Amino acid sequence: MQKIVSVSMNYIDFKDEELIIKYQTERNDDIIVEIVRRYLKISYNFSYRFVGNQNDAEEIVQESFIKLWKNIGKFKKDAKFKTWFLTIVRNTALDYLRKKKDVPFSSFDEESTNYIEDTIESGDINAEIMFEQYENKKEIEELLESLSPNHRQILYLYFNEELTLDEISKIIQKPLNTVKSQYRRALINLRSKISAPKFNN
């Protein structure tokens, strides 16, 4: 524990990208420890949102950090580390789920575009306000669990990690318009699950 704390203090002022570039030249394992410290919770929460199972999420995170270590030399200095690493995490989650025969993989298929839903701008705004202001965190977590894996991961990355839809499109490797469509549908779907009278006082 003492080592992790001291490592954190040594590198606390470094940006993620600076740490990775520094590791590429110095190969100092303390840098990897600091990256793990920063991204352990983020990668677990993202994995859990995607697979909905604690044990599976933990295995995915462990494998993701192994892949990070093996592929760290491929990181380019003009890239954003969070986007790059969460892409690794998502791909690892997909590979993990493909190996599980009890998982209906159709739930991860790309959705077709629905132009009627995609144009409900006012509905999107209301749903977003509900999501941000809803006070019952436990209930909102349960509502999120009822959404599709694609919708859960997009809302998590957008609200929790404060990534742009463009950054999310890079992580989940889908066109930006598809991500925008799924984001809108996720909000509309969430709104439909929230009891409207609670927001009409």
N, C-alpha and C. Protein backbone atom coordinates (compact mmCIF):
# COMPACT_ATOMS: atom_id res chain seq x y z
N MET A 1 0.83 -1.21 0.00
CA MET A 1 0.00 0.00 0.00
C MET A 1 0.86 1.26 0.00
N GLN A 2 1.93 1.24 0.80
CA GLN A 2 2.82 2.41 0.88
C GLN A 2 3.45 2.70 -0.47
N LYS A 3 3.80 1.64 -1.22
CA LYS A 3 4.43 1.84 -2.52
C LYS A 3 3.48 2.51 -3.49
N ILE A 4 2.20 2.07 -3.48
CA ILE A 4 1.21 2.65 -4.38
C ILE A 4 1.02 4.13 -4.07
N VAL A 5 0.98 4.47 -2.80
CA VAL A 5 0.80 5.87 -2.41
C VAL A 5 1.97 6.71 -2.89
N SER A 6 3.21 6.21 -2.71
CA SER A 6 4.38 6.98 -3.11
C SER A 6 4.45 7.12 -4.62
N VAL A 7 4.07 6.07 -5.32
CA VAL A 7 4.05 6.14 -6.78
C VAL A 7 3.05 7.19 -7.24
N SER A 8 1.87 7.19 -6.61
CA SER A 8 0.85 8.16 -6.95
C SER A 8 1.36 9.58 -6.78
N MET A 9 2.10 9.84 -5.71
CA MET A 9 2.62 11.18 -5.46
C MET A 9 3.66 11.56 -6.50
N ASN A 10 4.46 10.59 -6.95
CA ASN A 10 5.50 10.87 -7.94
C ASN A 10 4.92 11.29 -9.29
N TYR A 11 3.77 10.70 -9.64
CA TYR A 11 3.23 10.92 -10.98
C TYR A 11 1.88 11.63 -10.98
N ILE A 12 1.47 12.17 -9.86
CA ILE A 12 0.13 12.72 -9.75
C ILE A 12 -0.11 13.89 -10.69
N ASP A 13 0.93 14.63 -11.05
CA ASP A 13 0.77 15.80 -11.90
C ASP A 13 0.89 15.48 -13.40
N PHE A 14 1.17 14.23 -13.71
CA PHE A 14 1.31 13.84 -15.11
C PHE A 14 -0.06 13.52 -15.71
N LYS A 15 -0.27 13.95 -16.95
CA LYS A 15 -1.45 13.54 -17.68
C LYS A 15 -1.29 12.07 -18.09
N ASP A 16 -2.42 11.42 -18.36
CA ASP A 16 -2.37 10.01 -18.76
C ASP A 16 -1.44 9.80 -19.95
N GLU A 17 -1.61 10.65 -20.95
CA GLU A 17 -0.83 10.50 -22.17
C GLU A 17 0.67 10.68 -21.91
N GLU A 18 1.00 11.60 -21.02
CA GLU A 18 2.40 11.83 -20.67
C GLU A 18 3.00 10.61 -19.97
N LEU A 19 2.20 9.97 -19.12
CA LEU A 19 2.68 8.78 -18.43
C LEU A 19 2.97 7.65 -19.41
N ILE A 20 2.08 7.46 -20.38
CA ILE A 20 2.27 6.37 -21.34
C ILE A 20 3.51 6.61 -22.20
N ILE A 21 3.68 7.83 -22.67
CA ILE A 21 4.86 8.14 -23.48
C ILE A 21 6.13 7.97 -22.64
N LYS A 22 6.05 8.36 -21.38
CA LYS A 22 7.19 8.22 -20.48
C LYS A 22 7.53 6.74 -20.27
N TYR A 23 6.49 5.91 -20.14
CA TYR A 23 6.74 4.48 -19.96
C TYR A 23 7.36 3.87 -21.21
N GLN A 24 6.95 4.34 -22.37
CA GLN A 24 7.49 3.79 -23.62
C GLN A 24 9.01 3.98 -23.71
N THR A 25 9.50 5.02 -23.09
CA THR A 25 10.94 5.29 -23.16
C THR A 25 11.69 4.76 -21.93
N GLU A 26 11.04 4.80 -20.76
CA GLU A 26 11.73 4.43 -19.52
C GLU A 26 11.44 3.01 -19.04
N ARG A 27 10.29 2.46 -19.43
CA ARG A 27 9.87 1.12 -18.99
C ARG A 27 9.90 1.00 -17.47
N ASN A 28 9.40 2.02 -16.80
CA ASN A 28 9.33 2.04 -15.34
C ASN A 28 7.99 1.45 -14.91
N ASP A 29 8.03 0.32 -14.21
CA ASP A 29 6.79 -0.36 -13.83
C ASP A 29 5.94 0.46 -12.87
N ASP A 30 6.55 1.41 -12.18
CA ASP A 30 5.77 2.28 -11.29
C ASP A 30 4.73 3.07 -12.07
N ILE A 31 5.02 3.35 -13.31
CA ILE A 31 4.07 4.09 -14.15
C ILE A 31 2.83 3.23 -14.41
N ILE A 32 3.04 1.94 -14.65
CA ILE A 32 1.91 1.04 -14.86
C ILE A 32 1.05 0.97 -13.61
N VAL A 33 1.71 0.94 -12.45
CA VAL A 33 0.97 0.93 -11.18
C VAL A 33 0.08 2.17 -11.07
N GLU A 34 0.60 3.31 -11.49
CA GLU A 34 -0.18 4.55 -11.43
C GLU A 34 -1.35 4.51 -12.42
N ILE A 35 -1.15 3.99 -13.60
CA ILE A 35 -2.23 3.86 -14.59
C ILE A 35 -3.32 2.93 -14.07
N VAL A 36 -2.92 1.83 -13.46
CA VAL A 36 -3.89 0.91 -12.89
C VAL A 36 -4.69 1.60 -11.79
N ARG A 37 -4.00 2.38 -10.96
CA ARG A 37 -4.68 3.11 -9.89
C ARG A 37 -5.74 4.05 -10.46
N ARG A 38 -5.42 4.72 -11.54
CA ARG A 38 -6.34 5.68 -12.13
C ARG A 38 -7.52 5.02 -12.83
N TYR A 39 -7.28 3.85 -13.43
CA TYR A 39 -8.29 3.28 -14.32
C TYR A 39 -8.93 1.99 -13.84
N LEU A 40 -8.58 1.52 -12.66
CA LEU A 40 -9.17 0.28 -12.16
C LEU A 40 -10.67 0.42 -11.98
N LYS A 41 -11.09 1.48 -11.29
CA LYS A 41 -12.51 1.67 -11.04
C LYS A 41 -13.26 2.01 -12.32
N ILE A 42 -12.67 2.85 -13.15
CA ILE A 42 -13.31 3.24 -14.41
C ILE A 42 -13.55 2.02 -15.30
N SER A 43 -12.52 1.19 -15.46
CA SER A 43 -12.64 0.03 -16.34
C SER A 43 -13.61 -1.00 -15.77
N TYR A 44 -13.63 -1.13 -14.43
CA TYR A 44 -14.57 -2.07 -13.83
C TYR A 44 -16.01 -1.59 -14.03
N ASN A 45 -16.28 -0.33 -13.74
CA ASN A 45 -17.63 0.20 -13.89
C ASN A 45 -18.11 0.09 -15.33
N PHE A 46 -17.23 0.38 -16.27
CA PHE A 46 -17.59 0.28 -17.69
C PHE A 46 -17.89 -1.17 -18.05
N SER A 47 -17.04 -2.09 -17.60
CA SER A 47 -17.25 -3.52 -17.89
C SER A 47 -18.55 -4.02 -17.28
N TYR A 48 -18.79 -3.60 -16.05
CA TYR A 48 -20.00 -4.06 -15.37
C TYR A 48 -21.25 -3.54 -16.08
N ARG A 49 -21.20 -2.29 -16.52
CA ARG A 49 -22.33 -1.73 -17.27
C ARG A 49 -22.58 -2.55 -18.54
N PHE A 50 -21.51 -3.09 -19.09
CA PHE A 50 -21.62 -3.80 -20.36
C PHE A 50 -22.11 -5.23 -20.17
N VAL A 51 -21.57 -5.95 -19.16
CA VAL A 51 -21.90 -7.36 -19.01
C VAL A 51 -22.87 -7.65 -17.88
N GLY A 52 -23.00 -6.72 -16.92
CA GLY A 52 -23.97 -6.88 -15.86
C GLY A 52 -23.67 -7.96 -14.85
N ASN A 53 -22.41 -8.36 -14.74
CA ASN A 53 -22.03 -9.41 -13.80
C ASN A 53 -20.68 -9.09 -13.18
N GLN A 54 -20.60 -9.14 -11.84
CA GLN A 54 -19.39 -8.73 -11.15
C GLN A 54 -18.19 -9.60 -11.49
N ASN A 55 -18.35 -10.91 -11.46
CA ASN A 55 -17.23 -11.81 -11.75
C ASN A 55 -16.73 -11.64 -13.18
N ASP A 56 -17.67 -11.54 -14.12
CA ASP A 56 -17.28 -11.34 -15.52
C ASP A 56 -16.54 -10.02 -15.68
N ALA A 57 -17.05 -8.97 -15.03
CA ALA A 57 -16.42 -7.65 -15.13
C ALA A 57 -15.00 -7.68 -14.59
N GLU A 58 -14.79 -8.38 -13.48
CA GLU A 58 -13.45 -8.46 -12.90
C GLU A 58 -12.47 -9.17 -13.82
N GLU A 59 -12.92 -10.24 -14.46
CA GLU A 59 -12.07 -10.97 -15.40
C GLU A 59 -11.73 -10.12 -16.62
N ILE A 60 -12.72 -9.38 -17.08
CA ILE A 60 -12.51 -8.50 -18.24
C ILE A 60 -11.50 -7.42 -17.91
N VAL A 61 -11.60 -6.84 -16.72
CA VAL A 61 -10.66 -5.80 -16.32
C VAL A 61 -9.24 -6.35 -16.23
N GLN A 62 -9.10 -7.51 -15.64
CA GLN A 62 -7.78 -8.12 -15.52
C GLN A 62 -7.16 -8.37 -16.89
N GLU A 63 -7.95 -8.92 -17.80
CA GLU A 63 -7.45 -9.19 -19.14
C GLU A 63 -7.16 -7.90 -19.90
N SER A 64 -7.94 -6.86 -19.63
CA SER A 64 -7.74 -5.57 -20.31
C SER A 64 -6.41 -4.94 -19.93
N PHE A 65 -6.05 -5.03 -18.65
CA PHE A 65 -4.77 -4.46 -18.22
C PHE A 65 -3.58 -5.28 -18.77
N ILE A 66 -3.77 -6.57 -18.94
CA ILE A 66 -2.73 -7.39 -19.57
C ILE A 66 -2.53 -6.94 -21.02
N LYS A 67 -3.65 -6.72 -21.72
CA LYS A 67 -3.57 -6.26 -23.11
C LYS A 67 -2.96 -4.86 -23.19
N LEU A 68 -3.29 -4.01 -22.21
CA LEU A 68 -2.69 -2.68 -22.16
C LEU A 68 -1.18 -2.79 -22.08
N TRP A 69 -0.70 -3.62 -21.17
CA TRP A 69 0.74 -3.78 -20.99
C TRP A 69 1.41 -4.33 -22.25
N LYS A 70 0.75 -5.27 -22.92
CA LYS A 70 1.32 -5.88 -24.12
C LYS A 70 1.33 -4.93 -25.32
N ASN A 71 0.36 -4.03 -25.35
CA ASN A 71 0.19 -3.16 -26.54
C ASN A 71 0.53 -1.71 -26.28
N ILE A 72 1.15 -1.42 -25.16
CA ILE A 72 1.39 -0.03 -24.78
C ILE A 72 2.32 0.67 -25.77
N GLY A 73 3.15 -0.11 -26.45
CA GLY A 73 4.04 0.48 -27.44
C GLY A 73 3.32 1.01 -28.67
N LYS A 74 2.07 0.59 -28.86
CA LYS A 74 1.29 1.02 -30.03
C LYS A 74 0.56 2.34 -29.79
N PHE A 75 0.57 2.80 -28.53
CA PHE A 75 -0.12 4.05 -28.23
C PHE A 75 0.61 5.23 -28.88
N LYS A 76 -0.13 6.09 -29.56
CA LYS A 76 0.45 7.24 -30.24
C LYS A 76 0.23 8.50 -29.40
N LYS A 77 1.24 9.35 -29.39
CA LYS A 77 1.23 10.51 -28.50
C LYS A 77 0.12 11.52 -28.79
N ASP A 78 -0.44 11.48 -30.00
CA ASP A 78 -1.51 12.42 -30.32
C ASP A 78 -2.90 11.84 -30.02
N ALA A 79 -2.94 10.63 -29.43
CA ALA A 79 -4.21 10.00 -29.10
C ALA A 79 -4.62 10.36 -27.67
N LYS A 80 -5.89 10.11 -27.34
CA LYS A 80 -6.38 10.30 -25.97
C LYS A 80 -6.37 8.95 -25.28
N PHE A 81 -5.69 8.84 -24.15
CA PHE A 81 -5.50 7.54 -23.52
C PHE A 81 -6.82 6.91 -23.08
N LYS A 82 -7.70 7.70 -22.47
CA LYS A 82 -8.95 7.14 -21.97
C LYS A 82 -9.73 6.47 -23.09
N THR A 83 -9.82 7.14 -24.23
CA THR A 83 -10.52 6.57 -25.38
C THR A 83 -9.84 5.30 -25.85
N TRP A 84 -8.52 5.35 -25.93
CA TRP A 84 -7.73 4.20 -26.40
C TRP A 84 -7.90 3.00 -25.48
N PHE A 85 -7.80 3.22 -24.17
CA PHE A 85 -7.87 2.10 -23.24
C PHE A 85 -9.29 1.55 -23.12
N LEU A 86 -10.29 2.41 -23.08
CA LEU A 86 -11.66 1.90 -22.98
C LEU A 86 -12.08 1.14 -24.24
N THR A 87 -11.44 1.44 -25.36
CA THR A 87 -11.65 0.63 -26.56
C THR A 87 -11.13 -0.78 -26.32
N ILE A 88 -9.98 -0.89 -25.69
CA ILE A 88 -9.43 -2.20 -25.33
C ILE A 88 -10.38 -2.94 -24.39
N VAL A 89 -10.90 -2.22 -23.40
CA VAL A 89 -11.80 -2.84 -22.43
C VAL A 89 -13.06 -3.36 -23.12
N ARG A 90 -13.63 -2.56 -24.01
CA ARG A 90 -14.86 -2.99 -24.68
C ARG A 90 -14.60 -4.18 -25.59
N ASN A 91 -13.52 -4.15 -26.33
CA ASN A 91 -13.20 -5.28 -27.21
C ASN A 91 -12.95 -6.54 -26.39
N THR A 92 -12.31 -6.39 -25.24
CA THR A 92 -12.08 -7.53 -24.36
C THR A 92 -13.40 -8.08 -23.84
N ALA A 93 -14.33 -7.19 -23.52
CA ALA A 93 -15.65 -7.61 -23.06
C ALA A 93 -16.40 -8.37 -24.15
N LEU A 94 -16.31 -7.88 -25.38
CA LEU A 94 -16.97 -8.55 -26.50
C LEU A 94 -16.38 -9.94 -26.72
N ASP A 95 -15.05 -10.03 -26.70
CA ASP A 95 -14.40 -11.33 -26.87
C ASP A 95 -14.81 -12.29 -25.77
N TYR A 96 -14.90 -11.77 -24.55
CA TYR A 96 -15.28 -12.60 -23.40
C TYR A 96 -16.70 -13.12 -23.57
N LEU A 97 -17.60 -12.25 -24.01
CA LEU A 97 -19.00 -12.65 -24.16
C LEU A 97 -19.19 -13.63 -25.32
N ARG A 98 -18.37 -13.48 -26.36
CA ARG A 98 -18.47 -14.40 -27.48
C ARG A 98 -18.14 -15.83 -27.07
N LYS A 99 -17.31 -15.96 -26.05
CA LYS A 99 -16.90 -17.28 -25.58
C LYS A 99 -17.94 -17.90 -24.65
N LYS A 100 -18.88 -17.09 -24.17
CA LYS A 100 -19.92 -17.59 -23.26
C LYS A 100 -21.15 -17.96 -24.07
N LYS A 101 -21.42 -19.23 -24.15
CA LYS A 101 -22.52 -19.70 -25.00
C LYS A 101 -23.89 -19.34 -24.44
N ASP A 102 -23.95 -18.96 -23.15
CA ASP A 102 -25.24 -18.64 -22.54
C ASP A 102 -25.63 -17.18 -22.72
N VAL A 103 -24.81 -16.41 -23.45
CA VAL A 103 -25.10 -14.99 -23.66
C VAL A 103 -25.74 -14.79 -25.03
N PRO A 104 -26.96 -14.22 -25.09
CA PRO A 104 -27.60 -13.94 -26.38
C PRO A 104 -26.91 -12.76 -27.07
N PHE A 105 -26.00 -13.06 -27.97
CA PHE A 105 -25.17 -12.00 -28.53
C PHE A 105 -25.94 -11.07 -29.45
N SER A 106 -27.17 -11.42 -29.80
CA SER A 106 -27.97 -10.54 -30.63
C SER A 106 -28.23 -9.21 -29.95
N SER A 107 -28.15 -9.19 -28.61
CA SER A 107 -28.40 -7.94 -27.88
C SER A 107 -27.30 -6.92 -28.10
N PHE A 108 -26.19 -7.32 -28.72
CA PHE A 108 -25.09 -6.41 -28.97
C PHE A 108 -25.02 -6.01 -30.45
N ASP A 109 -25.98 -6.49 -31.25
CA ASP A 109 -25.97 -6.18 -32.67
C ASP A 109 -26.24 -4.70 -32.89
N GLU A 110 -25.74 -4.20 -34.00
CA GLU A 110 -25.96 -2.79 -34.33
C GLU A 110 -27.41 -2.54 -34.64
N GLU A 111 -27.93 -1.43 -34.13
CA GLU A 111 -29.32 -1.11 -34.33
C GLU A 111 -29.52 -0.36 -35.64
N SER A 112 -30.68 -0.56 -36.22
CA SER A 112 -31.00 0.18 -37.43
C SER A 112 -31.43 1.59 -37.05
N THR A 113 -31.40 2.48 -38.01
CA THR A 113 -31.75 3.88 -37.74
C THR A 113 -33.26 4.07 -37.81
N ASN A 114 -33.82 4.72 -36.83
CA ASN A 114 -35.23 5.04 -36.79
C ASN A 114 -35.36 6.55 -36.84
N TYR A 115 -35.76 7.07 -37.98
CA TYR A 115 -35.74 8.52 -38.18
C TYR A 115 -36.79 9.23 -37.34
N ILE A 116 -37.87 8.54 -36.96
CA ILE A 116 -38.88 9.17 -36.13
C ILE A 116 -38.32 9.42 -34.74
N GLU A 117 -37.69 8.38 -34.14
CA GLU A 117 -37.11 8.54 -32.82
C GLU A 117 -35.96 9.53 -32.84
N ASP A 118 -35.18 9.52 -33.91
CA ASP A 118 -33.99 10.36 -33.97
C ASP A 118 -34.31 11.84 -34.03
N THR A 119 -35.54 12.20 -34.31
CA THR A 119 -35.89 13.62 -34.44
C THR A 119 -36.64 14.14 -33.22
N ILE A 120 -36.78 13.33 -32.18
CA ILE A 120 -37.50 13.78 -30.98
C ILE A 120 -36.54 14.56 -30.09
N GLU A 121 -36.24 15.78 -30.47
CA GLU A 121 -35.25 16.56 -29.73
C GLU A 121 -35.76 16.97 -28.35
N SER A 122 -37.01 17.42 -28.29
CA SER A 122 -37.54 17.87 -27.00
C SER A 122 -37.62 16.70 -26.03
N GLY A 123 -37.96 15.53 -26.51
CA GLY A 123 -38.00 14.36 -25.64
C GLY A 123 -36.64 14.03 -25.10
N ASP A 124 -35.60 14.19 -25.92
CA ASP A 124 -34.23 13.92 -25.47
C ASP A 124 -33.86 14.83 -24.31
N ILE A 125 -34.17 16.12 -24.44
CA ILE A 125 -33.79 17.09 -23.41
C ILE A 125 -34.48 16.77 -22.10
N ASN A 126 -35.79 16.47 -22.14
CA ASN A 126 -36.51 16.14 -20.92
C ASN A 126 -35.94 14.90 -20.27
N ALA A 127 -35.63 13.89 -21.06
CA ALA A 127 -35.09 12.66 -20.52
C ALA A 127 -33.73 12.90 -19.89
N GLU A 128 -32.92 13.75 -20.49
CA GLU A 128 -31.59 14.04 -19.95
C GLU A 128 -31.70 14.76 -18.61
N ILE A 129 -32.64 15.70 -18.52
CA ILE A 129 -32.84 16.42 -17.26
C ILE A 129 -33.28 15.45 -16.17
N MET A 130 -34.19 14.54 -16.50
CA MET A 130 -34.63 13.55 -15.53
C MET A 130 -33.46 12.70 -15.05
N PHE A 131 -32.64 12.29 -15.98
CA PHE A 131 -31.52 11.42 -15.64
C PHE A 131 -30.54 12.12 -14.70
N GLU A 132 -30.29 13.39 -14.93
CA GLU A 132 -29.31 14.13 -14.13
C GLU A 132 -29.86 14.54 -12.77
N GLN A 133 -31.16 14.81 -12.68
CA GLN A 133 -31.74 15.35 -11.46
C GLN A 133 -32.43 14.29 -10.60
N TYR A 134 -32.58 13.09 -11.12
CA TYR A 134 -33.29 12.06 -10.36
C TYR A 134 -32.53 11.74 -9.08
N GLU A 135 -33.20 11.80 -7.95
CA GLU A 135 -32.53 11.70 -6.65
C GLU A 135 -32.37 10.27 -6.17
N ASN A 136 -33.24 9.38 -6.57
CA ASN A 136 -33.18 8.00 -6.10
C ASN A 136 -32.13 7.24 -6.92
N LYS A 137 -30.88 7.28 -6.44
CA LYS A 137 -29.77 6.69 -7.20
C LYS A 137 -29.92 5.19 -7.35
N LYS A 138 -30.43 4.52 -6.30
CA LYS A 138 -30.59 3.07 -6.36
C LYS A 138 -31.59 2.68 -7.44
N GLU A 139 -32.70 3.43 -7.49
CA GLU A 139 -33.72 3.11 -8.48
C GLU A 139 -33.22 3.41 -9.89
N ILE A 140 -32.46 4.49 -10.06
CA ILE A 140 -31.95 4.81 -11.39
C ILE A 140 -30.96 3.75 -11.85
N GLU A 141 -30.21 3.18 -10.90
CA GLU A 141 -29.29 2.09 -11.24
C GLU A 141 -30.06 0.89 -11.74
N GLU A 142 -31.17 0.58 -11.07
CA GLU A 142 -32.00 -0.55 -11.48
C GLU A 142 -32.61 -0.31 -12.86
N LEU A 143 -33.01 0.93 -13.10
CA LEU A 143 -33.58 1.27 -14.41
C LEU A 143 -32.53 1.12 -15.51
N LEU A 144 -31.31 1.55 -15.21
CA LEU A 144 -30.23 1.43 -16.19
C LEU A 144 -29.94 -0.03 -16.51
N GLU A 145 -30.04 -0.91 -15.49
CA GLU A 145 -29.77 -2.32 -15.71
C GLU A 145 -30.79 -2.93 -16.67
N SER A 146 -31.97 -2.32 -16.77
CA SER A 146 -33.00 -2.87 -17.65
C SER A 146 -32.82 -2.45 -19.11
N LEU A 147 -31.89 -1.53 -19.35
CA LEU A 147 -31.61 -1.10 -20.73
C LEU A 147 -30.73 -2.12 -21.42
N SER A 148 -30.62 -2.00 -22.73
CA SER A 148 -29.76 -2.90 -23.49
C SER A 148 -28.30 -2.59 -23.18
N PRO A 149 -27.39 -3.55 -23.39
CA PRO A 149 -25.96 -3.31 -23.13
C PRO A 149 -25.42 -2.09 -23.88
N ASN A 150 -25.83 -1.93 -25.14
CA ASN A 150 -25.35 -0.79 -25.92
C ASN A 150 -25.79 0.53 -25.31
N HIS A 151 -27.04 0.59 -24.87
CA HIS A 151 -27.56 1.82 -24.27
C HIS A 151 -26.90 2.10 -22.92
N ARG A 152 -26.68 1.05 -22.13
CA ARG A 152 -26.03 1.23 -20.83
C ARG A 152 -24.63 1.80 -20.98
N GLN A 153 -23.86 1.25 -21.91
CA GLN A 153 -22.47 1.69 -22.04
C GLN A 153 -22.39 3.12 -22.55
N ILE A 154 -23.28 3.50 -23.44
CA ILE A 154 -23.25 4.86 -23.98
C ILE A 154 -23.59 5.88 -22.88
N LEU A 155 -24.63 5.60 -22.11
CA LEU A 155 -25.01 6.51 -21.04
C LEU A 155 -23.92 6.58 -19.98
N TYR A 156 -23.29 5.45 -19.66
CA TYR A 156 -22.21 5.46 -18.67
C TYR A 156 -21.05 6.34 -19.15
N LEU A 157 -20.62 6.15 -20.37
CA LEU A 157 -19.48 6.90 -20.89
C LEU A 157 -19.80 8.39 -21.00
N TYR A 158 -21.04 8.70 -21.36
CA TYR A 158 -21.41 10.10 -21.55
C TYR A 158 -21.57 10.83 -20.22
N PHE A 159 -22.30 10.25 -19.28
CA PHE A 159 -22.60 10.93 -18.02
C PHE A 159 -21.51 10.72 -16.97
N ASN A 160 -21.02 9.51 -16.82
CA ASN A 160 -20.05 9.22 -15.77
C ASN A 160 -18.63 9.62 -16.15
N GLU A 161 -18.22 9.31 -17.36
CA GLU A 161 -16.86 9.61 -17.80
C GLU A 161 -16.77 10.91 -18.58
N GLU A 162 -17.92 11.53 -18.84
CA GLU A 162 -17.99 12.84 -19.50
C GLU A 162 -17.27 12.84 -20.85
N LEU A 163 -17.44 11.77 -21.59
CA LEU A 163 -16.88 11.69 -22.94
C LEU A 163 -17.89 12.23 -23.94
N THR A 164 -17.40 12.76 -25.04
CA THR A 164 -18.28 13.25 -26.09
C THR A 164 -18.83 12.07 -26.88
N LEU A 165 -19.90 12.30 -27.62
CA LEU A 165 -20.45 11.23 -28.45
C LEU A 165 -19.44 10.81 -29.53
N ASP A 166 -18.63 11.75 -29.99
CA ASP A 166 -17.60 11.42 -30.96
C ASP A 166 -16.56 10.48 -30.35
N GLU A 167 -16.16 10.75 -29.12
CA GLU A 167 -15.20 9.87 -28.43
C GLU A 167 -15.81 8.50 -28.17
N ILE A 168 -17.09 8.49 -27.82
CA ILE A 168 -17.78 7.22 -27.57
C ILE A 168 -17.85 6.40 -28.86
N SER A 169 -18.08 7.07 -29.98
CA SER A 169 -18.15 6.35 -31.25
C SER A 169 -16.83 5.65 -31.56
N LYS A 170 -15.73 6.25 -31.15
CA LYS A 170 -14.42 5.62 -31.35
C LYS A 170 -14.25 4.40 -30.44
N ILE A 171 -14.75 4.52 -29.22
CA ILE A 171 -14.60 3.42 -28.26
C ILE A 171 -15.43 2.21 -28.68
N ILE A 172 -16.69 2.43 -29.05
CA ILE A 172 -17.55 1.31 -29.39
C ILE A 172 -17.49 0.97 -30.87
N GLN A 173 -16.68 1.74 -31.61
CA GLN A 173 -16.38 1.45 -33.01
C GLN A 173 -17.64 1.38 -33.88
N LYS A 174 -18.44 2.42 -33.73
CA LYS A 174 -19.64 2.57 -34.55
C LYS A 174 -19.69 4.00 -35.08
N PRO A 175 -20.35 4.22 -36.21
CA PRO A 175 -20.44 5.57 -36.77
C PRO A 175 -21.07 6.54 -35.78
N LEU A 176 -20.65 7.80 -35.87
CA LEU A 176 -21.14 8.82 -34.94
C LEU A 176 -22.66 8.93 -35.01
N ASN A 177 -23.25 8.88 -36.20
CA ASN A 177 -24.70 8.98 -36.33
C ASN A 177 -25.41 7.83 -35.63
N THR A 178 -24.80 6.65 -35.67
CA THR A 178 -25.37 5.50 -34.97
C THR A 178 -25.34 5.72 -33.47
N VAL A 179 -24.22 6.25 -32.97
CA VAL A 179 -24.09 6.53 -31.54
C VAL A 179 -25.09 7.59 -31.11
N LYS A 180 -25.25 8.64 -31.92
CA LYS A 180 -26.23 9.68 -31.61
C LYS A 180 -27.64 9.08 -31.53
N SER A 181 -27.95 8.19 -32.47
CA SER A 181 -29.26 7.56 -32.49
C SER A 181 -29.46 6.71 -31.24
N GLN A 182 -28.46 5.91 -30.88
CA GLN A 182 -28.58 5.04 -29.71
C GLN A 182 -28.63 5.86 -28.42
N TYR A 183 -27.91 6.97 -28.39
CA TYR A 183 -27.94 7.85 -27.22
C TYR A 183 -29.35 8.41 -27.02
N ARG A 184 -29.96 8.88 -28.11
CA ARG A 184 -31.32 9.43 -28.02
C ARG A 184 -32.31 8.35 -27.56
N ARG A 185 -32.18 7.16 -28.17
CA ARG A 185 -33.09 6.08 -27.81
C ARG A 185 -32.92 5.68 -26.35
N ALA A 186 -31.68 5.68 -25.89
CA ALA A 186 -31.42 5.31 -24.50
C ALA A 186 -32.10 6.28 -23.55
N LEU A 187 -32.01 7.58 -23.85
CA LEU A 187 -32.65 8.59 -23.02
C LEU A 187 -34.18 8.47 -23.07
N ILE A 188 -34.71 8.26 -24.25
CA ILE A 188 -36.16 8.12 -24.40
C ILE A 188 -36.64 6.87 -23.68
N ASN A 189 -35.88 5.79 -23.81
CA ASN A 189 -36.23 4.54 -23.13
C ASN A 189 -36.19 4.72 -21.62
N LEU A 190 -35.16 5.43 -21.15
CA LEU A 190 -35.04 5.68 -19.71
C LEU A 190 -36.20 6.53 -19.22
N ARG A 191 -36.55 7.54 -19.99
CA ARG A 191 -37.66 8.41 -19.60
C ARG A 191 -38.95 7.61 -19.47
N SER A 192 -39.15 6.66 -20.37
CA SER A 192 -40.38 5.87 -20.34
C SER A 192 -40.46 4.98 -19.10
N LYS A 193 -39.31 4.68 -18.49
CA LYS A 193 -39.27 3.82 -17.32
C LYS A 193 -39.38 4.60 -16.02
N ILE A 194 -39.18 5.91 -16.09
CA ILE A 194 -39.26 6.75 -14.90
C ILE A 194 -40.69 7.22 -14.71
N SER A 195 -41.15 7.13 -13.50
CA SER A 195 -42.53 7.54 -13.20
C SER A 195 -42.67 9.04 -13.39
N ALA A 196 -43.48 9.45 -14.37
CA ALA A 196 -43.62 10.87 -14.72
C ALA A 196 -44.11 11.75 -13.59
N PRO A 197 -45.06 11.31 -12.73
CA PRO A 197 -45.55 12.20 -11.66
C PRO A 197 -44.47 12.72 -10.73
N LYS A 198 -43.37 11.98 -10.58
CA LYS A 198 -42.30 12.44 -9.70
C LYS A 198 -41.63 13.71 -10.22
N PHE A 199 -41.84 14.01 -11.50
CA PHE A 199 -41.18 15.15 -12.11
C PHE A 199 -42.17 16.23 -12.51
N ASN A 200 -43.41 16.11 -12.03
CA ASN A 200 -44.42 17.08 -12.41
C ASN A 200 -44.93 17.90 -11.24
N ASN A 201 -44.14 17.94 -10.16
CA ASN A 201 -44.55 18.72 -8.98
C ASN A 201 -44.43 20.22 -9.25
